[in-house]
C-alpha atoms as a PDB file:
ATOM      1  CA  MET A   1       0.000   0.000   0.000  1.00  0.00           C
ATOM      2  CA  LYS A   2       1.372   3.409  -0.939  1.00  0.00           C
ATOM      3  CA  ARG A   3       1.770   6.208   1.600  1.00  0.00           C
ATOM      4  CA  SER A   4      -0.690   8.315  -0.402  1.00  0.00           C
ATOM      5  CA  GLU A   5      -3.306   5.565  -0.048  1.00  0.00           C
ATOM      6  CA  ILE A   6      -2.709   5.392   3.680  1.00  0.00           C
ATOM      7  CA  GLN A   7      -3.061   9.152   4.002  1.00  0.00           C
ATOM      8  CA  GLN A   8      -6.264   9.034   1.975  1.00  0.00           C
ATOM      9  CA  ALA A   9      -7.680   6.398   4.355  1.00  0.00           C
ATOM     10  CA  ILE A  10      -6.669   8.470   7.384  1.00  0.00           C
ATOM     11  CA  ASP A  11      -8.318  11.577   5.920  1.00  0.00           C
ATOM     12  CA  TRP A  12     -11.477   9.595   5.159  1.00  0.00           C
ATOM     13  CA  ALA A  13     -11.612   8.243   8.718  1.00  0.00           C
ATOM     14  CA  LYS A  14     -11.107  11.694  10.271  1.00  0.00           C
ATOM     15  CA  ASP A  15     -13.858  13.101   8.070  1.00  0.00           C
ATOM     16  CA  PHE A  16     -16.186  10.221   8.962  1.00  0.00           C
ATOM     17  CA  LEU A  17     -15.538  10.651  12.693  1.00  0.00           C
ATOM     18  CA  GLY A  18     -16.119  14.394  12.431  1.00  0.00           C
ATOM     19  CA  ARG A  19     -19.445  13.902  10.640  1.00  0.00           C
ATOM     20  CA  SER A  20     -20.406  11.306  13.257  1.00  0.00           C
ATOM     21  CA  GLN A  21     -19.519  13.758  16.042  1.00  0.00           C
ATOM     22  CA  LEU A  22     -16.926  11.379  17.456  1.00  0.00           C
ATOM     23  CA  ALA A  23     -13.569  12.630  18.639  1.00  0.00           C
ATOM     24  CA  LEU A  24     -10.210  10.930  18.840  1.00  0.00           C
ATOM     25  CA  PRO A  25      -7.967  11.644  21.825  1.00  0.00           C
ATOM     26  CA  MET A  26      -5.634  14.611  21.369  1.00  0.00           C
ATOM     27  CA  PHE A  27      -2.602  12.373  20.934  1.00  0.00           C
ATOM     28  CA  ALA A  28      -4.121  10.951  17.740  1.00  0.00           C
ATOM     29  CA  ASN A  29      -2.857  14.029  15.896  1.00  0.00           C
ATOM     30  CA  TRP A  30       0.580  14.306  17.490  1.00  0.00           C
ATOM     31  CA  ASP A  31       3.579  14.329  15.199  1.00  0.00           C
ATOM     32  CA  ILE A  32       6.807  12.504  16.057  1.00  0.00           C
ATOM     33  CA  GLN A  33       8.252  15.474  17.959  1.00  0.00           C
ATOM     34  CA  GLU A  34       5.212  15.654  20.227  1.00  0.00           C
ATOM     35  CA  TRP A  35       5.381  11.905  20.891  1.00  0.00           C
ATOM     36  CA  LYS A  36       9.045  12.193  21.830  1.00  0.00           C
ATOM     37  CA  ALA A  37       8.409  15.217  24.061  1.00  0.00           C
ATOM     38  CA  HIS A  38       5.606  13.490  25.936  1.00  0.00           C
ATOM     39  CA  PHE A  39       7.583  10.265  26.254  1.00  0.00           C
ATOM     40  CA  TYR A  40      10.560  12.013  27.843  1.00  0.00           C
ATOM     41  CA  GLU A  41       8.272  14.224  29.912  1.00  0.00           C
ATOM     42  CA  ARG A  42       6.586  11.093  31.291  1.00  0.00           C
ATOM     43  CA  TRP A  43       9.831   9.421  32.270  1.00  0.00           C
ATOM     44  CA  SER A  44      11.632  12.518  33.555  1.00  0.00           C
ATOM     45  CA  ASP A  45       8.781  13.208  36.024  1.00  0.00           C
ATOM     46  CA  SER A  46       8.920   9.683  37.356  1.00  0.00           C
ATOM     47  CA  SER A  47      11.212   7.875  39.715  1.00  0.00           C
ATOM     48  CA  GLU A  48      11.001   4.921  37.331  1.00  0.00           C
ATOM     49  CA  SER A  49      13.801   4.209  34.899  1.00  0.00           C
ATOM     50  CA  PHE A  50      13.490   4.151  31.135  1.00  0.00           C
ATOM     51  CA  PRO A  51      12.034   0.933  29.769  1.00  0.00           C
END
């Protein structure tokens, strides 16, 4: 499957959810930088070690 086909499916799903008045959690739209920031934020605030 091509990346353009995947993006088309994602766009269709977002449109469908919007028309159905359903919302995805905010992290559903995070880019890689936001994922990394939240990952490190999670572990730096914890006494736990990295996995």
